[in-house]
Amino acid sequence: MKGWSGFQNSPMKQKEHTNVPLSEHEKKKGVMVTGGSKSEEINDLEDRIEFLNSDISDESSIMKKGKMISQLNKLKARLKKLK
């Protein structure tokens, strides 16, 4: 059956989303993700983790700390996956 493309959008062929999206806190602070090569992505993640750790220690609101810690865990998981 020539021309049939039923498996063209298969989940196996879809490219994995590489970057962890910015949290609202990171967007407000103006964090930017450069991306590109694997080493650049690793550097971005390490920077974001460092900044979030600093922000968590400075934050007084428990709710905001919880959201930051959640984002931090996502970033650490992605970094571990890349390494």
C-alpha atoms as a PDB file:
ATOM      1  CA  MET A   1       0.000   0.000   0.000  1.00  0.00           C
ATOM      2  CA  LYS A   2       2.166   2.791  -1.284  1.00  0.00           C
ATOM      3  CA  GLY A   3       1.756   6.217   0.291  1.00  0.00           C
ATOM      4  CA  TRP A   4       0.163   4.999   3.534  1.00  0.00           C
ATOM      5  CA  SER A   5       1.736   6.760   6.501  1.00  0.00           C
ATOM      6  CA  GLY A   6      -0.214   5.389   9.449  1.00  0.00           C
ATOM      7  CA  PHE A   7       2.862   5.081  11.680  1.00  0.00           C
ATOM      8  CA  GLN A   8       4.466   8.387  10.795  1.00  0.00           C
ATOM      9  CA  ASN A   9       3.649  10.012  14.140  1.00  0.00           C
ATOM     10  CA  SER A  10       4.489   6.997  16.243  1.00  0.00           C
ATOM     11  CA  PRO A  11       5.552   7.759  19.845  1.00  0.00           C
ATOM     12  CA  MET A  12       8.716   5.777  19.179  1.00  0.00           C
ATOM     13  CA  LYS A  13       9.773   8.252  16.489  1.00  0.00           C
ATOM     14  CA  GLN A  14       8.871  11.437  18.351  1.00  0.00           C
ATOM     15  CA  LYS A  15      11.809  13.345  19.724  1.00  0.00           C
ATOM     16  CA  GLU A  16      11.991  13.472  23.498  1.00  0.00           C
ATOM     17  CA  HIS A  17      11.517  16.938  25.007  1.00  0.00           C
ATOM     18  CA  THR A  18      14.955  17.788  26.320  1.00  0.00           C
ATOM     19  CA  ASN A  19      14.513  20.837  28.541  1.00  0.00           C
ATOM     20  CA  VAL A  20      12.617  21.015  31.790  1.00  0.00           C
ATOM     21  CA  PRO A  21      10.220  23.953  31.378  1.00  0.00           C
ATOM     22  CA  LEU A  22      10.899  27.059  33.431  1.00  0.00           C
ATOM     23  CA  SER A  23       8.855  27.409  36.603  1.00  0.00           C
ATOM     24  CA  GLU A  24       6.894  30.590  37.285  1.00  0.00           C
ATOM     25  CA  HIS A  25       9.581  31.605  39.783  1.00  0.00           C
ATOM     26  CA  GLU A  26      12.320  31.186  37.165  1.00  0.00           C
ATOM     27  CA  LYS A  27      10.304  33.127  34.571  1.00  0.00           C
ATOM     28  CA  LYS A  28       9.879  36.030  37.021  1.00  0.00           C
ATOM     29  CA  LYS A  29      13.630  36.059  37.711  1.00  0.00           C
ATOM     30  CA  GLY A  30      14.394  36.148  33.981  1.00  0.00           C
ATOM     31  CA  VAL A  31      16.128  32.767  33.723  1.00  0.00           C
ATOM     32  CA  MET A  32      16.999  31.833  30.149  1.00  0.00           C
ATOM     33  CA  VAL A  33      17.792  28.413  28.718  1.00  0.00           C
ATOM     34  CA  THR A  34      20.285  28.355  25.872  1.00  0.00           C
ATOM     35  CA  GLY A  35      20.140  24.639  25.099  1.00  0.00           C
ATOM     36  CA  GLY A  36      21.917  23.278  22.067  1.00  0.00           C
ATOM     37  CA  SER A  37      24.444  20.553  22.661  1.00  0.00           C
ATOM     38  CA  LYS A  38      24.313  18.046  25.490  1.00  0.00           C
ATOM     39  CA  SER A  39      27.104  19.793  27.406  1.00  0.00           C
ATOM     40  CA  GLU A  40      25.314  23.161  27.139  1.00  0.00           C
ATOM     41  CA  GLU A  41      22.109  21.611  28.436  1.00  0.00           C
ATOM     42  CA  ILE A  42      24.000  20.064  31.364  1.00  0.00           C
ATOM     43  CA  ASN A  43      25.553  23.459  32.154  1.00  0.00           C
ATOM     44  CA  ASP A  44      22.119  25.131  31.997  1.00  0.00           C
ATOM     45  CA  LEU A  45      20.633  22.563  34.363  1.00  0.00           C
ATOM     46  CA  GLU A  46      23.525  22.880  36.812  1.00  0.00           C
ATOM     47  CA  ASP A  47      23.135  26.675  36.825  1.00  0.00           C
ATOM     48  CA  ARG A  48      19.384  26.459  37.356  1.00  0.00           C
ATOM     49  CA  ILE A  49      19.892  24.009  40.233  1.00  0.00           C
ATOM     50  CA  GLU A  50      22.428  26.318  41.852  1.00  0.00           C
ATOM     51  CA  PHE A  51      20.142  29.355  41.537  1.00  0.00           C
ATOM     52  CA  LEU A  52      17.139  27.479  42.895  1.00  0.00           C
ATOM     53  CA  ASN A  53      19.121  26.223  45.898  1.00  0.00           C
ATOM     54  CA  SER A  54      20.049  29.813  46.680  1.00  0.00           C
ATOM     55  CA  ASP A  55      16.460  31.012  46.242  1.00  0.00           C
ATOM     56  CA  ILE A  56      15.093  28.220  48.435  1.00  0.00           C
ATOM     57  CA  SER A  57      17.382  29.172  51.300  1.00  0.00           C
ATOM     58  CA  ASP A  58      16.280  32.837  50.989  1.00  0.00           C
ATOM     59  CA  GLU A  59      12.527  32.125  50.669  1.00  0.00           C
ATOM     60  CA  SER A  60      10.295  32.453  53.730  1.00  0.00           C
ATOM     61  CA  SER A  61       6.983  31.243  52.252  1.00  0.00           C
ATOM     62  CA  ILE A  62       6.482  27.503  52.716  1.00  0.00           C
ATOM     63  CA  MET A  63       4.236  27.284  49.640  1.00  0.00           C
ATOM     64  CA  LYS A  64       6.828  28.903  47.383  1.00  0.00           C
ATOM     65  CA  LYS A  65       9.581  26.748  48.880  1.00  0.00           C
ATOM     66  CA  GLY A  66       7.556  23.633  48.089  1.00  0.00           C
ATOM     67  CA  LYS A  67       7.128  24.636  44.449  1.00  0.00           C
ATOM     68  CA  MET A  68      10.820  25.469  44.158  1.00  0.00           C
ATOM     69  CA  ILE A  69      11.820  22.145  45.686  1.00  0.00           C
ATOM     70  CA  SER A  70       9.517  20.351  43.244  1.00  0.00           C
ATOM     71  CA  GLN A  71      11.163  22.168  40.326  1.00  0.00           C
ATOM     72  CA  LEU A  72      14.591  21.433  41.796  1.00  0.00           C
ATOM     73  CA  ASN A  73      13.813  17.708  41.901  1.00  0.00           C
ATOM     74  CA  LYS A  74      12.729  17.769  38.237  1.00  0.00           C
ATOM     75  CA  LEU A  75      15.957  19.509  37.252  1.00  0.00           C
ATOM     76  CA  LYS A  76      18.084  17.046  39.227  1.00  0.00           C
ATOM     77  CA  ALA A  77      16.290  14.086  37.639  1.00  0.00           C
ATOM     78  CA  ARG A  78      16.845  15.488  34.138  1.00  0.00           C
ATOM     79  CA  LEU A  79      20.510  16.193  34.910  1.00  0.00           C
ATOM     80  CA  LYS A  80      20.995  12.652  36.187  1.00  0.00           C
ATOM     81  CA  LYS A  81      19.369  11.296  33.024  1.00  0.00           C
ATOM     82  CA  LEU A  82      21.742  13.331  30.832  1.00  0.00           C
ATOM     83  CA  LYS A  83      24.874  12.264  32.670  1.00  0.00           C
END
